[in-house]
Protein backbone atom coordinates (compact mmCIF):
# COMPACT_ATOMS: atom_id res chain seq x y z
CA MET A 1 -64.85 -194.51 48.15
CA SER A 2 -67.78 -196.93 48.36
CA GLU A 3 -69.80 -197.28 45.18
CA LYS A 4 -72.51 -194.62 44.87
CA VAL A 5 -75.96 -194.98 43.38
CA PHE A 6 -75.78 -193.97 39.71
CA ALA A 7 -76.10 -190.26 38.97
CA SER A 8 -79.30 -188.89 40.62
CA GLN A 9 -81.30 -192.13 40.80
CA ALA A 10 -81.31 -191.96 44.61
CA ASP A 11 -82.55 -188.35 44.60
CA LEU A 12 -86.26 -188.83 45.23
CA VAL A 13 -87.16 -185.92 47.54
CA GLU A 14 -89.54 -183.38 45.99
CA LYS A 15 -88.36 -179.77 46.22
CA THR A 16 -90.30 -176.67 47.25
CA VAL A 17 -91.08 -174.38 44.32
CA SER A 18 -90.77 -170.58 44.47
CA PHE A 19 -92.25 -168.19 41.91
CA ASP A 20 -90.57 -164.84 42.49
CA LYS A 21 -91.52 -161.56 40.87
CA LEU A 22 -88.32 -159.73 39.88
CA SER A 23 -89.98 -156.81 38.08
CA ASP A 24 -93.24 -156.04 36.27
CA HIS A 25 -91.78 -158.03 33.37
CA ALA A 26 -89.83 -160.89 34.96
CA TYR A 27 -90.45 -163.91 37.16
CA ALA A 28 -88.26 -166.79 38.31
CA TYR A 29 -89.58 -170.33 38.82
CA THR A 30 -87.04 -172.05 41.09
CA ALA A 31 -87.02 -175.21 43.18
CA GLU A 32 -84.13 -175.55 45.62
CA GLY A 33 -81.52 -176.42 43.02
CA ASP A 34 -83.72 -178.21 40.49
CA PRO A 35 -83.70 -176.71 36.95
CA ASN A 36 -85.17 -173.20 36.82
CA THR A 37 -87.62 -171.64 34.38
CA GLY A 38 -87.70 -167.93 33.56
CA VAL A 39 -90.80 -165.95 32.59
CA VAL A 40 -90.88 -162.65 30.70
CA VAL A 41 -94.19 -160.75 30.56
CA GLY A 42 -94.36 -158.17 27.78
CA ASP A 43 -97.16 -155.80 26.82
CA ASP A 44 -98.84 -158.32 24.55
CA ALA A 45 -97.27 -161.74 25.16
CA VAL A 46 -95.32 -163.99 27.51
CA MET A 47 -91.97 -165.70 26.92
CA VAL A 48 -90.91 -168.80 28.84
CA ILE A 49 -87.17 -169.52 29.14
CA ASP A 50 -86.48 -173.25 29.62
CA THR A 51 -89.51 -175.42 29.94
CA GLN A 52 -89.12 -178.04 32.68
CA ALA A 53 -88.50 -181.64 31.67
CA THR A 54 -91.99 -182.86 30.78
CA PRO A 55 -95.31 -181.32 29.69
CA VAL A 56 -96.90 -182.49 32.97
CA MET A 57 -94.23 -180.66 34.98
CA ALA A 58 -94.65 -177.59 32.78
CA GLN A 59 -98.30 -177.35 33.85
CA ASP A 60 -97.17 -176.08 37.25
CA VAL A 61 -95.25 -173.24 35.56
CA ILE A 62 -98.31 -172.41 33.45
CA ARG A 63 -100.53 -172.37 36.53
CA ARG A 64 -98.23 -169.86 38.21
CA ILE A 65 -97.99 -167.70 35.07
CA ARG A 66 -101.79 -167.63 34.94
CA GLY A 67 -101.79 -166.34 38.53
CA ALA A 68 -99.78 -163.34 37.28
CA THR A 69 -101.11 -162.64 33.77
CA ASP A 70 -103.62 -163.86 31.19
CA LYS A 71 -101.47 -162.75 28.24
CA PRO A 72 -100.77 -165.51 25.70
CA ILE A 73 -97.57 -167.54 26.01
CA ARG A 74 -96.24 -166.86 22.54
CA TYR A 75 -92.55 -167.69 22.86
CA VAL A 76 -90.44 -170.46 24.38
CA THR A 77 -86.68 -169.81 24.42
CA LEU A 78 -84.18 -172.62 24.98
CA SER A 79 -81.01 -171.66 26.85
CA HIS A 80 -79.42 -174.86 25.46
CA TYR A 81 -80.33 -178.35 24.23
CA HIS A 82 -80.38 -180.52 27.36
CA ALA A 83 -83.51 -182.64 27.74
CA VAL A 84 -84.27 -181.47 31.27
CA ARG A 85 -84.55 -177.93 29.87
CA VAL A 86 -86.53 -178.51 26.68
CA LEU A 87 -88.81 -181.56 26.73
CA GLY A 88 -91.71 -179.78 28.45
CA ALA A 89 -92.05 -177.28 25.59
CA SER A 90 -95.18 -178.73 23.99
CA ALA A 91 -97.29 -177.84 27.06
CA TYR A 92 -97.01 -174.10 26.38
CA ARG A 93 -98.41 -174.31 22.83
CA ALA A 94 -96.19 -171.39 21.92
CA GLU A 95 -96.13 -169.97 18.39
CA HIS A 96 -92.33 -169.92 18.40
CA VAL A 97 -89.62 -172.05 19.98
CA ILE A 98 -86.40 -170.02 19.81
CA ALA A 99 -82.87 -171.42 19.90
CA SER A 100 -79.38 -170.56 18.72
CA ARG A 101 -78.13 -172.21 15.56
CA ASP A 102 -75.56 -174.10 17.65
CA THR A 103 -78.33 -175.45 19.91
CA PHE A 104 -80.35 -176.53 16.88
CA ASP A 105 -77.30 -178.33 15.49
CA LEU A 106 -76.77 -180.13 18.82
CA ILE A 107 -80.40 -181.30 18.88
CA VAL A 108 -79.92 -182.72 15.37
CA GLU A 109 -76.62 -184.38 16.29
CA ARG A 110 -77.28 -185.68 19.82
CA GLY A 111 -80.78 -184.79 21.00
CA GLU A 112 -82.04 -188.38 20.91
CA ALA A 113 -79.01 -189.77 22.79
CA ASP A 114 -79.18 -186.93 25.32
CA MET A 115 -82.87 -187.54 26.00
CA LYS A 116 -82.28 -191.22 26.87
CA SER A 117 -79.18 -190.36 28.90
CA GLU A 118 -80.83 -187.67 31.02
CA ILE A 119 -84.03 -189.60 31.70
CA GLU A 120 -81.95 -192.42 33.21
CA ARG A 121 -79.75 -190.06 35.20
CA PHE A 122 -82.59 -187.97 36.72
CA PRO A 123 -85.77 -190.04 37.10
CA ARG A 124 -87.37 -187.58 39.58
CA LEU A 125 -86.93 -184.66 37.17
CA PHE A 126 -88.83 -186.45 34.39
CA ARG A 127 -92.14 -186.92 36.17
CA ALA A 128 -94.76 -188.32 33.77
CA VAL A 129 -92.08 -188.83 31.12
CA GLU A 130 -94.70 -190.58 28.99
CA SER A 131 -96.23 -187.13 28.35
CA VAL A 132 -93.14 -186.08 26.30
CA PRO A 133 -94.12 -186.23 22.61
CA GLY A 134 -90.50 -186.46 21.41
CA LEU A 135 -87.66 -184.05 20.82
CA THR A 136 -88.37 -180.31 20.97
CA TRP A 137 -87.59 -178.66 17.64
CA PRO A 138 -86.95 -174.91 17.39
CA THR A 139 -89.10 -173.00 14.93
CA LEU A 140 -87.00 -169.82 15.04
CA VAL A 141 -83.22 -170.18 14.91
CA PHE A 142 -80.83 -167.24 15.29
CA GLU A 143 -77.12 -166.56 14.90
CA ARG A 144 -75.50 -164.76 17.85
CA ARG A 145 -78.28 -162.25 18.62
CA LEU A 146 -82.01 -161.74 18.21
CA THR A 147 -83.95 -158.70 19.39
CA LEU A 148 -87.67 -159.07 20.07
CA TRP A 149 -90.10 -156.37 21.14
CA LEU A 150 -92.98 -157.56 23.29
CA GLY A 151 -94.86 -154.31 22.84
CA LYS A 152 -92.51 -151.72 24.33
CA LEU A 153 -90.41 -154.31 26.19
CA GLN A 154 -87.04 -154.97 24.56
CA VAL A 155 -85.87 -158.60 24.86
CA GLU A 156 -82.31 -159.44 23.76
CA ILE A 157 -81.64 -163.14 23.09
CA MET A 158 -77.89 -163.62 22.80
CA GLN A 159 -75.01 -166.02 22.53
CA LEU A 160 -72.25 -164.40 24.57
CA GLY A 161 -69.82 -167.30 24.20
CA ARG A 162 -69.44 -171.00 24.85
CA GLY A 163 -69.43 -172.50 28.33
CA HIS A 164 -71.97 -175.05 29.56
CA THR A 165 -72.54 -176.02 25.88
CA LYS A 166 -71.58 -174.51 22.53
CA GLY A 167 -75.15 -173.24 22.09
CA ASP A 168 -75.58 -171.33 25.36
CA THR A 169 -78.18 -168.58 25.09
CA VAL A 170 -79.01 -165.83 27.57
CA VAL A 171 -82.08 -163.58 27.67
CA TRP A 172 -81.44 -159.97 28.68
CA LEU A 173 -84.00 -157.33 29.59
CA PRO A 174 -81.96 -154.11 29.26
CA GLN A 175 -84.72 -151.83 30.58
CA ASP A 176 -84.98 -153.87 33.79
CA ARG A 177 -81.30 -155.00 33.89
CA ILE A 178 -82.39 -158.61 34.44
CA LEU A 179 -80.56 -161.57 32.90
CA PHE A 180 -81.69 -165.17 32.48
CA SER A 181 -78.41 -167.10 32.19
CA GLY A 182 -79.38 -170.74 31.78
CA ASP A 183 -76.70 -173.09 33.10
CA LEU A 184 -73.86 -170.68 32.35
CA VAL A 185 -74.40 -169.55 35.95
CA GLU A 186 -75.43 -171.68 38.93
CA PHE A 187 -75.95 -170.68 42.54
CA ASP A 188 -75.15 -173.14 45.34
CA ALA A 189 -75.54 -175.84 42.69
CA THR A 190 -72.75 -177.74 40.97
CA PRO A 191 -72.17 -176.79 37.32
CA TYR A 192 -72.60 -179.77 34.99
CA THR A 193 -69.73 -179.61 32.51
CA GLY A 194 -70.11 -182.87 30.57
CA ASP A 195 -70.83 -180.94 27.35
CA ALA A 196 -68.80 -177.85 28.19
CA TYR A 197 -66.02 -175.73 26.75
CA LEU A 198 -64.14 -175.26 30.00
CA GLY A 199 -61.36 -173.11 28.59
CA GLU A 200 -63.87 -170.62 27.18
CA TRP A 201 -66.42 -170.55 30.03
CA PRO A 202 -64.67 -167.85 32.17
CA ALA A 203 -64.63 -165.39 29.25
CA THR A 204 -68.35 -165.97 28.76
CA LEU A 205 -68.92 -165.18 32.44
CA ASP A 206 -66.91 -161.97 31.88
CA ALA A 207 -69.32 -161.08 29.05
CA ILE A 208 -72.30 -161.62 31.38
CA ALA A 209 -70.69 -159.44 34.06
CA ALA A 210 -70.01 -156.73 31.47
CA LEU A 211 -73.76 -156.32 30.88
CA GLY A 212 -74.05 -155.23 34.51
CA PRO A 213 -77.19 -157.16 35.51
CA ASP A 214 -78.90 -156.02 38.72
CA LYS A 215 -80.72 -159.37 38.93
CA LEU A 216 -80.00 -162.79 37.45
CA VAL A 217 -81.91 -166.06 37.18
CA PRO A 218 -79.36 -168.89 37.15
CA GLY A 219 -79.89 -172.33 35.68
CA ARG A 220 -80.16 -173.82 39.15
CA GLY A 221 -80.47 -172.20 42.55
CA ALA A 222 -82.29 -169.18 43.94
CA ALA A 223 -82.91 -166.06 41.85
CA LEU A 224 -80.13 -163.53 42.49
CA THR A 225 -81.89 -160.29 43.30
CA THR A 226 -79.07 -157.80 44.01
CA PRO A 227 -75.81 -156.96 42.21
CA THR A 228 -73.91 -158.44 45.18
CA ARG A 229 -75.72 -161.75 44.84
CA VAL A 230 -75.30 -161.70 41.04
CA LYS A 231 -71.55 -161.33 41.60
CA ALA A 232 -71.61 -164.23 44.08
CA GLY A 233 -73.29 -166.43 41.46
CA LEU A 234 -70.75 -165.49 38.79
CA ASP A 235 -67.79 -165.87 41.17
CA GLY A 236 -68.94 -169.24 42.49
CA THR A 237 -69.51 -170.66 39.03
CA ARG A 238 -66.13 -169.34 37.84
CA ALA A 239 -64.34 -170.79 40.88
CA PHE A 240 -65.77 -174.26 40.35
CA VAL A 241 -65.11 -174.35 36.61
CA THR A 242 -61.55 -173.02 36.84
CA GLU A 243 -60.47 -175.02 39.90
CA MET A 244 -61.91 -178.27 38.57
CA PHE A 245 -60.33 -177.81 35.12
CA ALA A 246 -56.96 -176.78 36.59
CA SER A 247 -56.86 -179.90 38.78
CA VAL A 248 -57.70 -182.17 35.86
CA LYS A 249 -55.17 -180.50 33.54
CA ARG A 250 -52.39 -180.97 36.10
CA GLY A 251 -53.14 -184.67 36.33
CA ALA A 252 -53.51 -185.14 32.58
CA GLN A 253 -50.23 -183.34 31.89
CA ALA A 254 -48.51 -185.57 34.49
CA GLY A 255 -49.76 -188.63 32.60
CA GLU A 256 -52.25 -189.79 35.27
CA ASP A 257 -55.19 -191.92 34.16
CA LEU A 258 -58.77 -190.65 34.38
CA ARG A 259 -59.64 -192.58 37.56
CA SER A 260 -56.61 -191.20 39.42
CA VAL A 261 -57.37 -187.67 38.25
CA TYR A 262 -61.00 -188.08 39.30
CA ARG A 263 -60.16 -189.24 42.82
CA ARG A 264 -57.65 -186.47 43.39
CA THR A 265 -59.98 -183.79 41.96
CA TYR A 266 -62.91 -185.07 44.02
CA ALA A 267 -60.82 -184.83 47.19
CA ALA A 268 -59.63 -181.33 46.26
CA LEU A 269 -63.10 -179.92 45.48
CA LYS A 270 -65.24 -181.69 48.09
CA PRO A 271 -64.41 -179.39 51.05
CA LYS A 272 -65.33 -176.21 49.14
CA PHE A 273 -68.12 -177.36 46.81
CA GLY A 274 -69.33 -180.70 48.20
CA HIS A 275 -72.42 -179.15 49.84
CA TRP A 276 -73.67 -177.82 46.49
CA VAL A 277 -76.67 -179.56 44.91
CA ILE A 278 -75.79 -182.53 42.59
CA PHE A 279 -72.05 -182.42 43.40
CA ASP A 280 -71.72 -186.22 43.50
CA HIS A 281 -73.89 -186.61 40.39
CA CYS A 282 -71.95 -184.11 38.29
CA LEU A 283 -68.34 -184.67 39.18
CA PRO A 284 -67.63 -187.91 37.26
CA PHE A 285 -69.07 -186.38 34.08
CA ASP A 286 -67.37 -183.03 34.76
CA VAL A 287 -63.93 -184.57 35.26
CA SER A 288 -64.38 -186.82 32.23
CA ARG A 289 -65.09 -183.85 29.95
CA ALA A 290 -62.25 -181.84 31.51
CA TYR A 291 -59.84 -184.75 30.90
CA ASP A 292 -61.06 -184.98 27.30
CA GLU A 293 -60.59 -181.24 26.74
CA ALA A 294 -57.13 -181.33 28.35
CA THR A 295 -56.03 -184.21 26.12
CA ALA A 296 -57.52 -185.18 22.76
CA TYR A 297 -61.07 -183.82 22.39
CA ARG A 298 -61.69 -180.16 21.60
CA ASP A 299 -65.43 -180.81 21.28
CA PRO A 300 -67.54 -182.78 23.76
CA ARG A 301 -68.24 -186.40 22.92
CA ILE A 302 -71.87 -187.59 22.83
CA TRP A 303 -73.21 -189.02 26.09
CA THR A 304 -75.39 -192.10 25.74
CA ALA A 305 -77.13 -194.03 28.49
CA GLN A 306 -74.54 -196.79 27.99
CA ARG A 307 -71.53 -194.44 28.09
CA ASP A 308 -72.93 -192.82 31.26
CA LYS A 309 -73.01 -196.15 33.09
CA GLU A 310 -69.62 -197.29 31.81
CA LEU A 311 -68.02 -194.07 33.04
CA TRP A 312 -69.77 -194.32 36.40
CA ARG A 313 -68.52 -197.90 36.90
CA ALA A 314 -65.00 -196.90 35.88
CA LEU A 315 -64.80 -193.97 38.31
CA GLU A 316 -67.12 -194.97 41.17
CA GLY A 317 -67.00 -198.79 41.00
């Protein structure tokens, strides 16, 4: 394996944005595997789910929302704490920024380190990073479930279980049977599992499937607009998470070191998943977390810009 450029620093190609209407109440802002934003339009207000990485990048979401409705953007909901999802929040000037208690706790504990880490990993995704005023702080924090009514539109904001992070939050529109999953589900994009609970993730996917969504907006990848495509998104995410973790556990239990486990897992997964967006970026971090979970660390360790580069050198150098 020749040494690869760190994380996504070589990824400089701009992606084509789509803004798809899923129902009278729901839109998906997607960009060929870049982080997605969801939009819920109620009778009297708009909710944005995940914000883009900077206020300047968020302006494009706002422009597209304004092409669909002039209702005020009153709510921003965070599916989890990662910088690429939350640092554009200030652009929306929302009255409320909603997050789970676990997400709030993660922002307190590791938000600053995560911000520096992600900006270095993904320079293209933090366009005009100087427009970020600092960390995004929730103003409305919930435990497990929050029901909002946007006029007559019921919006369920829920923690269905841990997976991508301990704070994962989904937004469910029961009347329309549309789910915004955040990074619990990806489509043709590699799940990032550096902060994950890999042993619990499949059960959380079961809980999503049990809701019976007709349409689903994943964290990355195209909006899934039929039950068949929703199932494909759930199945693909589950396959990656379980196959990657199983490979790492086998190596860890056999006493192999992290670099050996990484190389064997990379070779095992590349044929099936290597064409997915950010596969080469994610896998060192994914295998590192899986090795931690299979050995000594029940909870994810904090990623810093320095730890990122040390791991990359150890596995890719």
